[in-house]
Amino acid sequence: MQFKDAKYKFEPSHVNKGAFHWKGNLRDADHGDGHNVYMQVRVEGYGWSRFNGKQKKTVWLDKLSYDGAALHTDDASIRACRDRGSLHPDNCSVTKSYHR
């Protein structure tokens, strides 16, 4: 999997609930492995949220991740993963962490 042309930013508190705004092209780089790809994003106080890609394709993702109960998001983490099914653990990239 690859997350190309990626951009990350924290929105101001008065825009989009102060969300962690991330976007880029999620690409299934190994068409022959038979596995799907996905992104995982986490903001402080919550678990990982999953955003699916498409097997053998590249998809554009442009998402906002935030804590609806807070004025703005201060901490966020993101990683790309390969879904290897229920019998094998998924492979994920190194987690990137961001702080406002």
C-alpha atoms as a PDB file:
ATOM      1  CA  MET A   1       0.000   0.000   0.000  1.00  0.00           C
ATOM      2  CA  GLN A   2       1.033   3.573  -0.606  1.00  0.00           C
ATOM      3  CA  PHE A   3      -0.424   6.882   0.514  1.00  0.00           C
ATOM      4  CA  LYS A   4       0.832   9.341  -2.103  1.00  0.00           C
ATOM      5  CA  ASP A   5       0.473  13.106  -2.485  1.00  0.00           C
ATOM      6  CA  ALA A   6      -0.563  13.206   1.175  1.00  0.00           C
ATOM      7  CA  LYS A   7      -1.362  16.451   2.977  1.00  0.00           C
ATOM      8  CA  TYR A   8      -2.199  16.898   6.647  1.00  0.00           C
ATOM      9  CA  LYS A   9      -3.344  19.928   8.605  1.00  0.00           C
ATOM     10  CA  PHE A  10      -5.298  20.953  11.649  1.00  0.00           C
ATOM     11  CA  GLU A  11      -8.256  23.177  10.826  1.00  0.00           C
ATOM     12  CA  PRO A  12      -8.758  26.320  12.929  1.00  0.00           C
ATOM     13  CA  SER A  13     -11.199  25.894  15.823  1.00  0.00           C
ATOM     14  CA  HIS A  14     -13.942  27.772  13.958  1.00  0.00           C
ATOM     15  CA  VAL A  15     -13.611  25.681  10.759  1.00  0.00           C
ATOM     16  CA  ASN A  16     -14.849  22.066  10.504  1.00  0.00           C
ATOM     17  CA  LYS A  17     -14.881  21.662  14.292  1.00  0.00           C
ATOM     18  CA  GLY A  18     -11.106  22.112  14.475  1.00  0.00           C
ATOM     19  CA  ALA A  19     -10.619  18.786  12.691  1.00  0.00           C
ATOM     20  CA  PHE A  20      -7.489  16.966  11.613  1.00  0.00           C
ATOM     21  CA  HIS A  21      -7.827  17.278   7.826  1.00  0.00           C
ATOM     22  CA  TRP A  22      -6.001  14.688   5.777  1.00  0.00           C
ATOM     23  CA  LYS A  23      -6.047  13.787   2.097  1.00  0.00           C
ATOM     24  CA  GLY A  24      -4.126  11.834  -0.494  1.00  0.00           C
ATOM     25  CA  ASN A  25      -4.170   8.904  -2.909  1.00  0.00           C
ATOM     26  CA  LEU A  26      -4.392   5.487  -1.263  1.00  0.00           C
ATOM     27  CA  ARG A  27      -2.923   2.954  -3.680  1.00  0.00           C
ATOM     28  CA  ASP A  28      -2.958  -0.828  -3.691  1.00  0.00           C
ATOM     29  CA  ALA A  29       0.638  -1.274  -4.851  1.00  0.00           C
ATOM     30  CA  ASP A  30       0.599  -5.098  -5.029  1.00  0.00           C
ATOM     31  CA  HIS A  31      -2.234  -6.184  -7.306  1.00  0.00           C
ATOM     32  CA  GLY A  32      -1.261  -9.846  -7.123  1.00  0.00           C
ATOM     33  CA  ASP A  33      -1.571 -10.341  -3.356  1.00  0.00           C
ATOM     34  CA  GLY A  34      -5.398 -10.394  -3.296  1.00  0.00           C
ATOM     35  CA  HIS A  35      -5.636  -7.982  -0.330  1.00  0.00           C
ATOM     36  CA  ASN A  36      -7.415  -4.681   0.146  1.00  0.00           C
ATOM     37  CA  VAL A  37      -5.841  -1.527   1.622  1.00  0.00           C
ATOM     38  CA  TYR A  38      -7.164   1.010   4.107  1.00  0.00           C
ATOM     39  CA  MET A  39      -6.202   4.030   6.183  1.00  0.00           C
ATOM     40  CA  GLN A  40      -6.479   4.259   9.959  1.00  0.00           C
ATOM     41  CA  VAL A  41      -6.770   7.602  11.740  1.00  0.00           C
ATOM     42  CA  ARG A  42      -7.021   8.283  15.462  1.00  0.00           C
ATOM     43  CA  VAL A  43      -7.666  11.518  17.335  1.00  0.00           C
ATOM     44  CA  GLU A  44      -7.084  11.891  21.071  1.00  0.00           C
ATOM     45  CA  GLY A  45      -9.650  10.144  23.239  1.00  0.00           C
ATOM     46  CA  TYR A  46     -10.844   7.781  20.487  1.00  0.00           C
ATOM     47  CA  GLY A  47      -9.820   4.512  18.897  1.00  0.00           C
ATOM     48  CA  TRP A  48      -8.762   3.985  15.305  1.00  0.00           C
ATOM     49  CA  SER A  49     -11.197   4.878  12.511  1.00  0.00           C
ATOM     50  CA  ARG A  50     -10.946   2.918   9.284  1.00  0.00           C
ATOM     51  CA  PHE A  51     -11.265   4.329   5.756  1.00  0.00           C
ATOM     52  CA  ASN A  52     -11.272   1.639   3.052  1.00  0.00           C
ATOM     53  CA  GLY A  53      -9.506   1.774  -0.277  1.00  0.00           C
ATOM     54  CA  LYS A  54     -10.172  -0.495  -3.258  1.00  0.00           C
ATOM     55  CA  GLN A  55      -8.307  -3.609  -4.217  1.00  0.00           C
ATOM     56  CA  LYS A  56      -6.074  -3.149  -7.299  1.00  0.00           C
ATOM     57  CA  LYS A  57      -6.966   0.565  -7.528  1.00  0.00           C
ATOM     58  CA  THR A  58      -5.971   4.013  -6.332  1.00  0.00           C
ATOM     59  CA  VAL A  59      -8.616   6.047  -4.504  1.00  0.00           C
ATOM     60  CA  TRP A  60      -8.598   9.705  -3.480  1.00  0.00           C
ATOM     61  CA  LEU A  61      -9.410  10.228   0.207  1.00  0.00           C
ATOM     62  CA  ASP A  62     -10.170  13.685   1.622  1.00  0.00           C
ATOM     63  CA  LYS A  63     -11.385  13.318   5.224  1.00  0.00           C
ATOM     64  CA  LEU A  64     -11.898  15.204   8.467  1.00  0.00           C
ATOM     65  CA  SER A  65     -11.264  13.458  11.779  1.00  0.00           C
ATOM     66  CA  TYR A  66     -12.267  15.191  15.009  1.00  0.00           C
ATOM     67  CA  ASP A  67     -13.656  14.927  18.519  1.00  0.00           C
ATOM     68  CA  GLY A  68     -17.182  16.315  18.307  1.00  0.00           C
ATOM     69  CA  ALA A  69     -17.196  17.164  22.023  1.00  0.00           C
ATOM     70  CA  ALA A  70     -14.042  19.300  21.867  1.00  0.00           C
ATOM     71  CA  LEU A  71     -13.419  22.766  20.476  1.00  0.00           C
ATOM     72  CA  HIS A  72     -10.602  21.427  18.322  1.00  0.00           C
ATOM     73  CA  THR A  73      -8.397  18.380  17.855  1.00  0.00           C
ATOM     74  CA  ASP A  74      -4.854  18.654  19.258  1.00  0.00           C
ATOM     75  CA  ASP A  75      -3.379  15.203  18.567  1.00  0.00           C
ATOM     76  CA  ALA A  76      -3.833  12.842  15.627  1.00  0.00           C
ATOM     77  CA  SER A  77      -2.180   9.685  14.301  1.00  0.00           C
ATOM     78  CA  ILE A  78      -2.423   8.144  10.845  1.00  0.00           C
ATOM     79  CA  ARG A  79      -1.191   4.986   9.096  1.00  0.00           C
ATOM     80  CA  ALA A  80      -1.818   2.955   5.922  1.00  0.00           C
ATOM     81  CA  CYS A  81      -2.626  -0.753   6.223  1.00  0.00           C
ATOM     82  CA  ARG A  82      -3.064  -3.897   4.149  1.00  0.00           C
ATOM     83  CA  ASP A  83      -6.035  -6.073   5.101  1.00  0.00           C
ATOM     84  CA  ARG A  84      -4.783  -9.660   5.112  1.00  0.00           C
ATOM     85  CA  GLY A  85      -8.063 -11.272   6.153  1.00  0.00           C
ATOM     86  CA  SER A  86      -9.113 -12.901   9.382  1.00  0.00           C
ATOM     87  CA  LEU A  87      -6.318 -15.506   9.616  1.00  0.00           C
ATOM     88  CA  HIS A  88      -3.319 -13.165   9.407  1.00  0.00           C
ATOM     89  CA  PRO A  89      -2.567  -9.872  11.150  1.00  0.00           C
ATOM     90  CA  ASP A  90      -2.785  -6.795   8.946  1.00  0.00           C
ATOM     91  CA  ASN A  91       0.395  -5.012   7.849  1.00  0.00           C
ATOM     92  CA  CYS A  92       0.504  -1.283   8.647  1.00  0.00           C
ATOM     93  CA  SER A  93       2.986   1.443   7.892  1.00  0.00           C
ATOM     94  CA  VAL A  94       4.799   3.284  10.633  1.00  0.00           C
ATOM     95  CA  THR A  95       2.315   5.452  12.531  1.00  0.00           C
ATOM     96  CA  LYS A  96       2.769   9.179  11.965  1.00  0.00           C
ATOM     97  CA  SER A  97       1.700  11.397  14.843  1.00  0.00           C
ATOM     98  CA  TYR A  98       0.801  15.071  14.627  1.00  0.00           C
ATOM     99  CA  HIS A  99       0.258  17.712  17.311  1.00  0.00           C
ATOM    100  CA  ARG A 100      -1.414  21.082  16.819  1.00  0.00           C
END
